[in-house]
Amino acid sequence: VVLCADMIAPEGYGEIIGGSEREDDYEKLKAQIEAFGLDLEEY
């Protein structure tokens, strides 16, 4: 799991906020970009 949260509004209005703590470690973020099949040069 990741450090994130969605805020769900009452009365059936669903998610109004999505947020998270961001990965701040270089190697971990690089591995995630590669795992998602994204272009390292672009990022």
PDB file of all heavy atoms in Angstrom:
ATOM      1  N   VAL A   1       0.851  -1.194   0.000  1.00  0.00           N
ATOM      2  CA  VAL A   1       0.000   0.000   0.000  1.00  0.00           C
ATOM      3  C   VAL A   1       0.882   1.237   0.000  1.00  0.00           C
ATOM      4  O   VAL A   1       2.075   1.187   0.312  1.00  0.00           O
ATOM      5  CB  VAL A   1      -0.965   0.045   1.208  1.00  0.00           C
ATOM      6  CG1 VAL A   1      -1.928  -1.135   1.181  1.00  0.00           C
ATOM      7  CG2 VAL A   1      -0.209   0.108   2.525  1.00  0.00           C
ATOM      8  N   VAL A   2       0.282   2.373  -0.362  1.00  0.00           N
ATOM      9  CA  VAL A   2       1.010   3.636  -0.410  1.00  0.00           C
ATOM     10  C   VAL A   2       0.371   4.648   0.540  1.00  0.00           C
ATOM     11  O   VAL A   2      -0.782   4.498   0.957  1.00  0.00           O
ATOM     12  CB  VAL A   2       1.046   4.213  -1.845  1.00  0.00           C
ATOM     13  CG1 VAL A   2       1.982   3.415  -2.724  1.00  0.00           C
ATOM     14  CG2 VAL A   2      -0.351   4.262  -2.460  1.00  0.00           C
ATOM     15  N   LEU A   3       1.132   5.688   0.874  1.00  0.00           N
ATOM     16  CA  LEU A   3       0.663   6.735   1.788  1.00  0.00           C
ATOM     17  C   LEU A   3      -0.190   7.736   1.018  1.00  0.00           C
ATOM     18  O   LEU A   3       0.307   8.729   0.475  1.00  0.00           O
ATOM     19  CB  LEU A   3       1.862   7.435   2.436  1.00  0.00           C
ATOM     20  CG  LEU A   3       2.706   6.579   3.381  1.00  0.00           C
ATOM     21  CD1 LEU A   3       3.936   7.350   3.832  1.00  0.00           C
ATOM     22  CD2 LEU A   3       1.880   6.133   4.580  1.00  0.00           C
ATOM     23  N   CYS A   4      -1.461   7.442   0.926  1.00  0.00           N
ATOM     24  CA  CYS A   4      -2.362   8.284   0.150  1.00  0.00           C
ATOM     25  C   CYS A   4      -3.720   8.335   0.837  1.00  0.00           C
ATOM     26  O   CYS A   4      -3.979   7.597   1.795  1.00  0.00           O
ATOM     27  CB  CYS A   4      -2.514   7.748  -1.273  1.00  0.00           C
ATOM     28  SG  CYS A   4      -3.417   6.184  -1.362  1.00  0.00           S
ATOM     29  N   ALA A   5      -4.582   9.196   0.330  1.00  0.00           N
ATOM     30  CA  ALA A   5      -5.948   9.275   0.855  1.00  0.00           C
ATOM     31  C   ALA A   5      -6.861   9.906  -0.176  1.00  0.00           C
ATOM     32  O   ALA A   5      -6.460  10.811  -0.917  1.00  0.00           O
ATOM     33  CB  ALA A   5      -5.981  10.088   2.149  1.00  0.00           C
ATOM     34  N   ASP A   6      -8.092   9.431  -0.213  1.00  0.00           N
ATOM     35  CA  ASP A   6      -9.168  10.080  -0.957  1.00  0.00           C
ATOM     36  C   ASP A   6     -10.160  10.626   0.054  1.00  0.00           C
ATOM     37  O   ASP A   6     -10.482   9.952   1.037  1.00  0.00           O
ATOM     38  CB  ASP A   6      -9.893   9.092  -1.866  1.00  0.00           C
ATOM     39  CG  ASP A   6      -9.059   8.662  -3.062  1.00  0.00           C
ATOM     40  OD1 ASP A   6      -8.012   9.290  -3.316  1.00  0.00           O
ATOM     41  OD2 ASP A   6      -9.454   7.692  -3.737  1.00  0.00           O
ATOM     42  N   MET A   7     -10.631  11.858  -0.181  1.00  0.00           N
ATOM     43  CA  MET A   7     -11.717  12.383   0.631  1.00  0.00           C
ATOM     44  C   MET A   7     -13.027  12.149  -0.111  1.00  0.00           C
ATOM     45  O   MET A   7     -13.192  12.600  -1.247  1.00  0.00           O
ATOM     46  CB  MET A   7     -11.562  13.873   0.931  1.00  0.00           C
ATOM     47  CG  MET A   7     -12.677  14.405   1.856  1.00  0.00           C
ATOM     48  SD  MET A   7     -12.726  16.210   2.010  1.00  0.00           S
ATOM     49  CE  MET A   7     -11.249  16.527   2.965  1.00  0.00           C
ATOM     50  N   ILE A   8     -13.950  11.434   0.549  1.00  0.00           N
ATOM     51  CA  ILE A   8     -15.253  11.127  -0.039  1.00  0.00           C
ATOM     52  C   ILE A   8     -16.292  12.077   0.546  1.00  0.00           C
ATOM     53  O   ILE A   8     -16.440  12.171   1.771  1.00  0.00           O
ATOM     54  CB  ILE A   8     -15.656   9.662   0.245  1.00  0.00           C
ATOM     55  CG1 ILE A   8     -14.518   8.708  -0.140  1.00  0.00           C
ATOM     56  CG2 ILE A   8     -16.947   9.319  -0.504  1.00  0.00           C
ATOM     57  CD1 ILE A   8     -14.098   8.777  -1.576  1.00  0.00           C
ATOM     58  N   ALA A   9     -16.992  12.788  -0.325  1.00  0.00           N
ATOM     59  CA  ALA A   9     -18.027  13.711   0.134  1.00  0.00           C
ATOM     60  C   ALA A   9     -19.285  12.944   0.523  1.00  0.00           C
ATOM     61  O   ALA A   9     -19.566  11.874  -0.035  1.00  0.00           O
ATOM     62  CB  ALA A   9     -18.354  14.721  -0.969  1.00  0.00           C
ATOM     63  N   PRO A  10     -20.061  13.463   1.455  1.00  0.00           N
ATOM     64  CA  PRO A  10     -21.325  12.807   1.830  1.00  0.00           C
ATOM     65  C   PRO A  10     -22.407  13.001   0.781  1.00  0.00           C
ATOM     66  O   PRO A  10     -22.189  13.663  -0.235  1.00  0.00           O
ATOM     67  CB  PRO A  10     -21.701  13.521   3.137  1.00  0.00           C
ATOM     68  CG  PRO A  10     -21.061  14.868   3.015  1.00  0.00           C
ATOM     69  CD  PRO A  10     -19.790  14.667   2.235  1.00  0.00           C
ATOM     70  N   GLU A  11     -23.556  12.388   1.015  1.00  0.00           N
ATOM     71  CA  GLU A  11     -24.750  12.524   0.182  1.00  0.00           C
ATOM     72  C   GLU A  11     -24.578  11.945  -1.215  1.00  0.00           C
ATOM     73  O   GLU A  11     -25.282  12.317  -2.153  1.00  0.00           O
ATOM     74  CB  GLU A  11     -25.183  14.000   0.067  1.00  0.00           C
ATOM     75  CG  GLU A  11     -25.452  14.674   1.412  1.00  0.00           C
ATOM     76  CD  GLU A  11     -25.776  16.135   1.228  1.00  0.00           C
ATOM     77  OE1 GLU A  11     -26.895  16.445   0.763  1.00  0.00           O
ATOM     78  OE2 GLU A  11     -24.900  16.973   1.543  1.00  0.00           O
ATOM     79  N   GLY A  12     -23.615  11.044  -1.384  1.00  0.00           N
ATOM     80  CA  GLY A  12     -23.467  10.374  -2.666  1.00  0.00           C
ATOM     81  C   GLY A  12     -22.688  11.131  -3.706  1.00  0.00           C
ATOM     82  O   GLY A  12     -22.771  10.811  -4.903  1.00  0.00           O
ATOM     83  N   TYR A  13     -21.895  12.122  -3.300  1.00  0.00           N
ATOM     84  CA  TYR A  13     -21.159  12.938  -4.273  1.00  0.00           C
ATOM     85  C   TYR A  13     -19.765  12.411  -4.586  1.00  0.00           C
ATOM     86  O   TYR A  13     -19.074  12.950  -5.451  1.00  0.00           O
ATOM     87  CB  TYR A  13     -21.113  14.395  -3.814  1.00  0.00           C
ATOM     88  CG  TYR A  13     -22.461  15.061  -4.001  1.00  0.00           C
ATOM     89  CD1 TYR A  13     -23.375  15.139  -2.952  1.00  0.00           C
ATOM     90  CD2 TYR A  13     -22.851  15.546  -5.243  1.00  0.00           C
ATOM     91  CE1 TYR A  13     -24.627  15.713  -3.130  1.00  0.00           C
ATOM     92  CE2 TYR A  13     -24.095  16.117  -5.439  1.00  0.00           C
ATOM     93  CZ  TYR A  13     -24.984  16.202  -4.371  1.00  0.00           C
ATOM     94  OH  TYR A  13     -26.221  16.755  -4.567  1.00  0.00           O
ATOM     95  N   GLY A  14     -19.321  11.396  -3.880  1.00  0.00           N
ATOM     96  CA  GLY A  14     -18.096  10.709  -4.252  1.00  0.00           C
ATOM     97  C   GLY A  14     -16.825  11.459  -3.900  1.00  0.00           C
ATOM     98  O   GLY A  14     -16.809  12.383  -3.089  1.00  0.00           O
ATOM     99  N   GLU A  15     -15.721  11.040  -4.532  1.00  0.00           N
ATOM    100  CA  GLU A  15     -14.407  11.589  -4.239  1.00  0.00           C
ATOM    101  C   GLU A  15     -14.295  13.038  -4.696  1.00  0.00           C
ATOM    102  O   GLU A  15     -14.573  13.355  -5.851  1.00  0.00           O
ATOM    103  CB  GLU A  15     -13.335  10.756  -4.948  1.00  0.00           C
ATOM    104  CG  GLU A  15     -11.923  11.269  -4.768  1.00  0.00           C
ATOM    105  CD  GLU A  15     -10.942  10.669  -5.757  1.00  0.00           C
ATOM    106  OE1 GLU A  15     -11.243   9.595  -6.324  1.00  0.00           O
ATOM    107  OE2 GLU A  15      -9.894  11.286  -5.987  1.00  0.00           O
ATOM    108  N   ILE A  16     -13.859  13.898  -3.784  1.00  0.00           N
ATOM    109  CA  ILE A  16     -13.612  15.289  -4.167  1.00  0.00           C
ATOM    110  C   ILE A  16     -12.135  15.650  -4.042  1.00  0.00           C
ATOM    111  O   ILE A  16     -11.687  16.636  -4.625  1.00  0.00           O
ATOM    112  CB  ILE A  16     -14.465  16.287  -3.356  1.00  0.00           C
ATOM    113  CG1 ILE A  16     -14.266  16.098  -1.851  1.00  0.00           C
ATOM    114  CG2 ILE A  16     -15.928  16.186  -3.745  1.00  0.00           C
ATOM    115  CD1 ILE A  16     -14.907  17.192  -1.021  1.00  0.00           C
ATOM    116  N   ILE A  17     -11.367  14.850  -3.264  1.00  0.00           N
ATOM    117  CA  ILE A  17      -9.928  15.091  -3.131  1.00  0.00           C
ATOM    118  C   ILE A  17      -9.190  13.770  -3.260  1.00  0.00           C
ATOM    119  O   ILE A  17      -9.624  12.749  -2.721  1.00  0.00           O
ATOM    120  CB  ILE A  17      -9.577  15.719  -1.765  1.00  0.00           C
ATOM    121  CG1 ILE A  17     -10.033  17.175  -1.694  1.00  0.00           C
ATOM    122  CG2 ILE A  17      -8.068  15.656  -1.507  1.00  0.00           C
ATOM    123  CD1 ILE A  17      -9.685  17.862  -0.378  1.00  0.00           C
ATOM    124  N   GLY A  18      -8.073  13.803  -3.970  1.00  0.00           N
ATOM    125  CA  GLY A  18      -7.125  12.706  -3.971  1.00  0.00           C
ATOM    126  C   GLY A  18      -5.752  13.265  -3.653  1.00  0.00           C
ATOM    127  O   GLY A  18      -5.364  14.302  -4.206  1.00  0.00           O
ATOM    128  N   GLY A  19      -5.043  12.630  -2.732  1.00  0.00           N
ATOM    129  CA  GLY A  19      -3.734  13.157  -2.360  1.00  0.00           C
ATOM    130  C   GLY A  19      -2.822  12.079  -1.832  1.00  0.00           C
ATOM    131  O   GLY A  19      -3.232  10.942  -1.605  1.00  0.00           O
ATOM    132  N   SER A  20      -1.560  12.442  -1.636  1.00  0.00           N
ATOM    133  CA  SER A  20      -0.604  11.464  -1.137  1.00  0.00           C
ATOM    134  C   SER A  20       0.652  12.162  -0.654  1.00  0.00           C
ATOM    135  O   SER A  20       0.901  13.333  -0.969  1.00  0.00           O
ATOM    136  CB  SER A  20      -0.215  10.460  -2.226  1.00  0.00           C
ATOM    137  OG  SER A  20       0.626  11.071  -3.201  1.00  0.00           O
ATOM    138  N   GLU A  21       1.458  11.409   0.091  1.00  0.00           N
ATOM    139  CA  GLU A  21       2.847  11.808   0.295  1.00  0.00           C
ATOM    140  C   GLU A  21       3.589  11.332  -0.945  1.00  0.00           C
ATOM    141  O   GLU A  21       3.314  10.251  -1.470  1.00  0.00           O
ATOM    142  CB  GLU A  21       3.414  11.184   1.568  1.00  0.00           C
ATOM    143  CG  GLU A  21       4.792  11.712   1.935  1.00  0.00           C
ATOM    144  CD  GLU A  21       5.229  11.335   3.347  1.00  0.00           C
ATOM    145  OE1 GLU A  21       4.345  11.046   4.184  1.00  0.00           O
ATOM    146  OE2 GLU A  21       6.447  11.332   3.587  1.00  0.00           O
ATOM    147  N   ARG A  22       4.523  12.135  -1.434  1.00  0.00           N
ATOM    148  CA  ARG A  22       5.219  11.818  -2.679  1.00  0.00           C
ATOM    149  C   ARG A  22       6.521  11.050  -2.370  1.00  0.00           C
ATOM    150  O   ARG A  22       7.166  11.304  -1.345  1.00  0.00           O
ATOM    151  CB  ARG A  22       5.550  13.078  -3.457  1.00  0.00           C
ATOM    152  CG  ARG A  22       4.441  14.131  -3.531  1.00  0.00           C
ATOM    153  CD  ARG A  22       3.081  13.601  -3.941  1.00  0.00           C
ATOM    154  NE  ARG A  22       2.165  14.700  -4.260  1.00  0.00           N
ATOM    155  CZ  ARG A  22       0.893  14.552  -4.545  1.00  0.00           C
ATOM    156  NH1 ARG A  22       0.340  13.342  -4.531  1.00  0.00           N
ATOM    157  NH2 ARG A  22       0.138  15.601  -4.854  1.00  0.00           N
ATOM    158  N   GLU A  23       6.884  10.152  -3.262  1.00  0.00           N
ATOM    159  CA  GLU A  23       8.143   9.428  -3.089  1.00  0.00           C
ATOM    160  C   GLU A  23       9.298  10.413  -3.201  1.00  0.00           C
ATOM    161  O   GLU A  23       9.420  11.127  -4.202  1.00  0.00           O
ATOM    162  CB  GLU A  23       8.270   8.330  -4.142  1.00  0.00           C
ATOM    163  CG  GLU A  23       9.547   7.512  -4.018  1.00  0.00           C
ATOM    164  CD  GLU A  23       9.724   6.924  -2.635  1.00  0.00           C
ATOM    165  OE1 GLU A  23       8.937   6.019  -2.277  1.00  0.00           O
ATOM    166  OE2 GLU A  23      10.626   7.393  -1.898  1.00  0.00           O
ATOM    167  N   ASP A  24      10.143  10.476  -2.167  1.00  0.00           N
ATOM    168  CA  ASP A  24      11.236  11.441  -2.181  1.00  0.00           C
ATOM    169  C   ASP A  24      12.604  10.784  -2.351  1.00  0.00           C
ATOM    170  O   ASP A  24      13.628  11.469  -2.347  1.00  0.00           O
ATOM    171  CB  ASP A  24      11.219  12.277  -0.898  1.00  0.00           C
ATOM    172  CG  ASP A  24      11.211  11.423   0.353  1.00  0.00           C
ATOM    173  OD1 ASP A  24      12.275  10.892   0.715  1.00  0.00           O
ATOM    174  OD2 ASP A  24      10.139  11.269   0.968  1.00  0.00           O
ATOM    175  N   ASP A  25      12.639   9.456  -2.515  1.00  0.00           N
ATOM    176  CA  ASP A  25      13.895   8.743  -2.705  1.00  0.00           C
ATOM    177  C   ASP A  25      14.166   8.547  -4.198  1.00  0.00           C
ATOM    178  O   ASP A  25      13.323   8.011  -4.927  1.00  0.00           O
ATOM    179  CB  ASP A  25      13.834   7.390  -1.997  1.00  0.00           C
ATOM    180  CG  ASP A  25      15.126   6.610  -2.132  1.00  0.00           C
ATOM    181  OD1 ASP A  25      15.261   5.869  -3.141  1.00  0.00           O
ATOM    182  OD2 ASP A  25      16.003   6.732  -1.253  1.00  0.00           O
ATOM    183  N   TYR A  26      15.323   8.965  -4.656  1.00  0.00           N
ATOM    184  CA  TYR A  26      15.662   8.926  -6.086  1.00  0.00           C
ATOM    185  C   TYR A  26      15.565   7.517  -6.663  1.00  0.00           C
ATOM    186  O   TYR A  26      14.904   7.298  -7.690  1.00  0.00           O
ATOM    187  CB  TYR A  26      17.069   9.483  -6.301  1.00  0.00           C
ATOM    188  CG  TYR A  26      17.517   9.466  -7.747  1.00  0.00           C
ATOM    189  CD1 TYR A  26      17.250  10.541  -8.591  1.00  0.00           C
ATOM    190  CD2 TYR A  26      18.211   8.371  -8.269  1.00  0.00           C
ATOM    191  CE1 TYR A  26      17.655  10.528  -9.917  1.00  0.00           C
ATOM    192  CE2 TYR A  26      18.624   8.353  -9.592  1.00  0.00           C
ATOM    193  CZ  TYR A  26      18.338   9.424 -10.413  1.00  0.00           C
ATOM    194  OH  TYR A  26      18.729   9.409 -11.728  1.00  0.00           O
ATOM    195  N   GLU A  27      16.214   6.548  -6.038  1.00  0.00           N
ATOM    196  CA  GLU A  27      16.257   5.198  -6.594  1.00  0.00           C
ATOM    197  C   GLU A  27      14.876   4.546  -6.595  1.00  0.00           C
ATOM    198  O   GLU A  27      14.505   3.858  -7.547  1.00  0.00           O
ATOM    199  CB  GLU A  27      17.258   4.332  -5.822  1.00  0.00           C
ATOM    200  CG  GLU A  27      18.711   4.768  -5.990  1.00  0.00           C
ATOM    201  CD  GLU A  27      19.196   4.705  -7.442  1.00  0.00           C
ATOM    202  OE1 GLU A  27      18.623   3.920  -8.223  1.00  0.00           O
ATOM    203  OE2 GLU A  27      20.138   5.441  -7.789  1.00  0.00           O
ATOM    204  N   LYS A  28      14.123   4.769  -5.546  1.00  0.00           N
ATOM    205  CA  LYS A  28      12.778   4.174  -5.489  1.00  0.00           C
ATOM    206  C   LYS A  28      11.862   4.766  -6.556  1.00  0.00           C
ATOM    207  O   LYS A  28      11.091   4.064  -7.208  1.00  0.00           O
ATOM    208  CB  LYS A  28      12.173   4.376  -4.102  1.00  0.00           C
ATOM    209  CG  LYS A  28      12.805   3.513  -3.014  1.00  0.00           C
ATOM    210  CD  LYS A  28      12.103   3.723  -1.669  1.00  0.00           C
ATOM    211  CE  LYS A  28      12.711   2.832  -0.596  1.00  0.00           C
ATOM    212  NZ  LYS A  28      12.062   3.031   0.725  1.00  0.00           N
ATOM    213  N   LEU A  29      11.932   6.076  -6.735  1.00  0.00           N
ATOM    214  CA  LEU A  29      11.100   6.716  -7.746  1.00  0.00           C
ATOM    215  C   LEU A  29      11.521   6.272  -9.146  1.00  0.00           C
ATOM    216  O   LEU A  29      10.664   5.991 -10.005  1.00  0.00           O
ATOM    217  CB  LEU A  29      11.191   8.236  -7.630  1.00  0.00           C
ATOM    218  CG  LEU A  29      10.326   9.021  -8.617  1.00  0.00           C
ATOM    219  CD1 LEU A  29       8.855   8.689  -8.459  1.00  0.00           C
ATOM    220  CD2 LEU A  29      10.547  10.519  -8.454  1.00  0.00           C
ATOM    221  N   LYS A  30      12.817   6.171  -9.377  1.00  0.00           N
ATOM    222  CA  LYS A  30      13.303   5.712 -10.678  1.00  0.00           C
ATOM    223  C   LYS A  30      12.784   4.308 -10.972  1.00  0.00           C
ATOM    224  O   LYS A  30      12.324   4.019 -12.097  1.00  0.00           O
ATOM    225  CB  LYS A  30      14.830   5.720 -10.691  1.00  0.00           C
ATOM    226  CG  LYS A  30      15.444   5.261 -12.006  1.00  0.00           C
ATOM    227  CD  LYS A  30      16.976   5.289 -11.939  1.00  0.00           C
ATOM    228  CE  LYS A  30      17.584   4.785 -13.234  1.00  0.00           C
ATOM    229  NZ  LYS A  30      19.065   4.757 -13.177  1.00  0.00           N
ATOM    230  N   ALA A  31      12.831   3.425  -9.974  1.00  0.00           N
ATOM    231  CA  ALA A  31      12.345   2.054 -10.158  1.00  0.00           C
ATOM    232  C   ALA A  31      10.855   2.044 -10.469  1.00  0.00           C
ATOM    233  O   ALA A  31      10.393   1.250 -11.301  1.00  0.00           O
ATOM    234  CB  ALA A  31      12.627   1.236  -8.903  1.00  0.00           C
ATOM    235  N   GLN A  32      10.104   2.936  -9.834  1.00  0.00           N
ATOM    236  CA  GLN A  32       8.667   3.000 -10.088  1.00  0.00           C
ATOM    237  C   GLN A  32       8.368   3.490 -11.496  1.00  0.00           C
ATOM    238  O   GLN A  32       7.468   2.976 -12.167  1.00  0.00           O
ATOM    239  CB  GLN A  32       8.002   3.932  -9.064  1.00  0.00           C
ATOM    240  CG  GLN A  32       7.695   3.271  -7.732  1.00  0.00           C
ATOM    241  CD  GLN A  32       6.662   2.168  -7.890  1.00  0.00           C
ATOM    242  OE1 GLN A  32       7.006   0.979  -8.005  1.00  0.00           O
ATOM    243  NE2 GLN A  32       5.398   2.537  -7.930  1.00  0.00           N
ATOM    244  N   ILE A  33       9.105   4.480 -11.954  1.00  0.00           N
ATOM    245  CA  ILE A  33       8.910   4.982 -13.315  1.00  0.00           C
ATOM    246  C   ILE A  33       9.167   3.873 -14.327  1.00  0.00           C
ATOM    247  O   ILE A  33       8.397   3.676 -15.283  1.00  0.00           O
ATOM    248  CB  ILE A  33       9.829   6.197 -13.577  1.00  0.00           C
ATOM    249  CG1 ILE A  33       9.370   7.386 -12.717  1.00  0.00           C
ATOM    250  CG2 ILE A  33       9.834   6.575 -15.060  1.00  0.00           C
ATOM    251  CD1 ILE A  33      10.307   8.576 -12.765  1.00  0.00           C
ATOM    252  N   GLU A  34      10.209   3.112 -14.096  1.00  0.00           N
ATOM    253  CA  GLU A  34      10.526   1.999 -14.991  1.00  0.00           C
ATOM    254  C   GLU A  34       9.464   0.913 -14.904  1.00  0.00           C
ATOM    255  O   GLU A  34       9.062   0.332 -15.929  1.00  0.00           O
ATOM    256  CB  GLU A  34      11.907   1.431 -14.648  1.00  0.00           C
ATOM    257  CG  GLU A  34      13.043   2.379 -14.990  1.00  0.00           C
ATOM    258  CD  GLU A  34      14.407   1.853 -14.538  1.00  0.00           C
ATOM    259  OE1 GLU A  34      14.465   1.186 -13.478  1.00  0.00           O
ATOM    260  OE2 GLU A  34      15.395   2.093 -15.252  1.00  0.00           O
ATOM    261  N   ALA A  35       8.997   0.628 -13.692  1.00  0.00           N
ATOM    262  CA  ALA A  35       7.976  -0.410 -13.506  1.00  0.00           C
ATOM    263  C   ALA A  35       6.673  -0.060 -14.214  1.00  0.00           C
ATOM    264  O   ALA A  35       5.948  -0.944 -14.677  1.00  0.00           O
ATOM    265  CB  ALA A  35       7.728  -0.633 -12.016  1.00  0.00           C
ATOM    266  N   PHE A  36       6.375   1.234 -14.327  1.00  0.00           N
ATOM    267  CA  PHE A  36       5.151   1.680 -14.998  1.00  0.00           C
ATOM    268  C   PHE A  36       5.338   1.769 -16.511  1.00  0.00           C
ATOM    269  O   PHE A  36       4.416   2.142 -17.233  1.00  0.00           O
ATOM    270  CB  PHE A  36       4.701   3.041 -14.444  1.00  0.00           C
ATOM    271  CG  PHE A  36       3.803   2.950 -13.237  1.00  0.00           C
ATOM    272  CD1 PHE A  36       4.308   2.544 -12.013  1.00  0.00           C
ATOM    273  CD2 PHE A  36       2.456   3.264 -13.323  1.00  0.00           C
ATOM    274  CE1 PHE A  36       3.496   2.462 -10.889  1.00  0.00           C
ATOM    275  CE2 PHE A  36       1.630   3.185 -12.220  1.00  0.00           C
ATOM    276  CZ  PHE A  36       2.145   2.778 -10.992  1.00  0.00           C
ATOM    277  N   GLY A  37       6.537   1.446 -16.991  1.00  0.00           N
ATOM    278  CA  GLY A  37       6.803   1.481 -18.425  1.00  0.00           C
ATOM    279  C   GLY A  37       6.902   2.869 -18.996  1.00  0.00           C
ATOM    280  O   GLY A  37       6.663   3.083 -20.194  1.00  0.00           O
ATOM    281  N   LEU A  38       7.286   3.845 -18.170  1.00  0.00           N
ATOM    282  CA  LEU A  38       7.399   5.223 -18.612  1.00  0.00           C
ATOM    283  C   LEU A  38       8.819   5.523 -19.065  1.00  0.00           C
ATOM    284  O   LEU A  38       9.769   4.848 -18.676  1.00  0.00           O
ATOM    285  CB  LEU A  38       6.983   6.168 -17.479  1.00  0.00           C
ATOM    286  CG  LEU A  38       5.555   5.964 -16.947  1.00  0.00           C
ATOM    287  CD1 LEU A  38       5.310   6.850 -15.732  1.00  0.00           C
ATOM    288  CD2 LEU A  38       4.522   6.242 -18.043  1.00  0.00           C
ATOM    289  N   ASP A  39       8.958   6.556 -19.873  1.00  0.00           N
ATOM    290  CA  ASP A  39      10.245   6.927 -20.452  1.00  0.00           C
ATOM    291  C   ASP A  39      11.053   7.720 -19.422  1.00  0.00           C
ATOM    292  O   ASP A  39      10.678   8.843 -19.052  1.00  0.00           O
ATOM    293  CB  ASP A  39      10.003   7.772 -21.704  1.00  0.00           C
ATOM    294  CG  ASP A  39      11.291   8.092 -22.464  1.00  0.00           C
ATOM    295  OD1 ASP A  39      12.380   7.917 -21.885  1.00  0.00           O
ATOM    296  OD2 ASP A  39      11.191   8.525 -23.623  1.00  0.00           O
ATOM    297  N   LEU A  40      12.171   7.163 -18.986  1.00  0.00           N
ATOM    298  CA  LEU A  40      12.999   7.826 -17.976  1.00  0.00           C
ATOM    299  C   LEU A  40      13.479   9.199 -18.447  1.00  0.00           C
ATOM    300  O   LEU A  40      13.579  10.141 -17.646  1.00  0.00           O
ATOM    301  CB  LEU A  40      14.208   6.955 -17.625  1.00  0.00           C
ATOM    302  CG  LEU A  40      13.988   5.869 -16.563  1.00  0.00           C
ATOM    303  CD1 LEU A  40      15.237   5.001 -16.447  1.00  0.00           C
ATOM    304  CD2 LEU A  40      13.644   6.491 -15.211  1.00  0.00           C
ATOM    305  N   GLU A  41      13.767   9.315 -19.732  1.00  0.00           N
ATOM    306  CA  GLU A  41      14.246  10.597 -20.253  1.00  0.00           C
ATOM    307  C   GLU A  41      13.198  11.691 -20.094  1.00  0.00           C
ATOM    308  O   GLU A  41      13.509  12.840 -19.769  1.00  0.00           O
ATOM    309  CB  GLU A  41      14.637  10.438 -21.721  1.00  0.00           C
ATOM    310  CG  GLU A  41      15.313  11.668 -22.297  1.00  0.00           C
ATOM    311  CD  GLU A  41      15.810  11.442 -23.717  1.00  0.00           C
ATOM    312  OE1 GLU A  41      16.113  10.286 -24.071  1.00  0.00           O
ATOM    313  OE2 GLU A  41      15.889  12.435 -24.466  1.00  0.00           O
ATOM    314  N   GLU A  42      11.929  11.324 -20.315  1.00  0.00           N
ATOM    315  CA  GLU A  42      10.836  12.294 -20.184  1.00  0.00           C
ATOM    316  C   GLU A  42      10.694  12.782 -18.742  1.00  0.00           C
ATOM    317  O   GLU A  42      10.242  13.900 -18.484  1.00  0.00           O
ATOM    318  CB  GLU A  42       9.515  11.676 -20.652  1.00  0.00           C
ATOM    319  CG  GLU A  42       9.426  11.455 -22.149  1.00  0.00           C
ATOM    320  CD  GLU A  42       9.224  12.758 -22.909  1.00  0.00           C
ATOM    321  OE1 GLU A  42       8.972  13.801 -22.265  1.00  0.00           O
ATOM    322  OE2 GLU A  42       9.333  12.732 -24.145  1.00  0.00           O
ATOM    323  N   TYR A  43      11.038  11.915 -17.805  1.00  0.00           N
ATOM    324  CA  TYR A  43      10.848  12.245 -16.387  1.00  0.00           C
ATOM    325  C   TYR A  43      12.157  12.596 -15.695  1.00  0.00           C
ATOM    326  O   TYR A  43      12.206  12.675 -14.455  1.00  0.00           O
ATOM    327  CB  TYR A  43      10.184  11.069 -15.666  1.00  0.00           C
ATOM    328  CG  TYR A  43       8.745  10.868 -16.086  1.00  0.00           C
ATOM    329  CD1 TYR A  43       8.418  10.060 -17.171  1.00  0.00           C
ATOM    330  CD2 TYR A  43       7.712  11.520 -15.421  1.00  0.00           C
ATOM    331  CE1 TYR A  43       7.111   9.885 -17.571  1.00  0.00           C
ATOM    332  CE2 TYR A  43       6.398  11.360 -15.807  1.00  0.00           C
ATOM    333  CZ  TYR A  43       6.099  10.544 -16.883  1.00  0.00           C
ATOM    334  OH  TYR A  43       4.795  10.374 -17.277  1.00  0.00           O
TER     335      TYR A  43
END
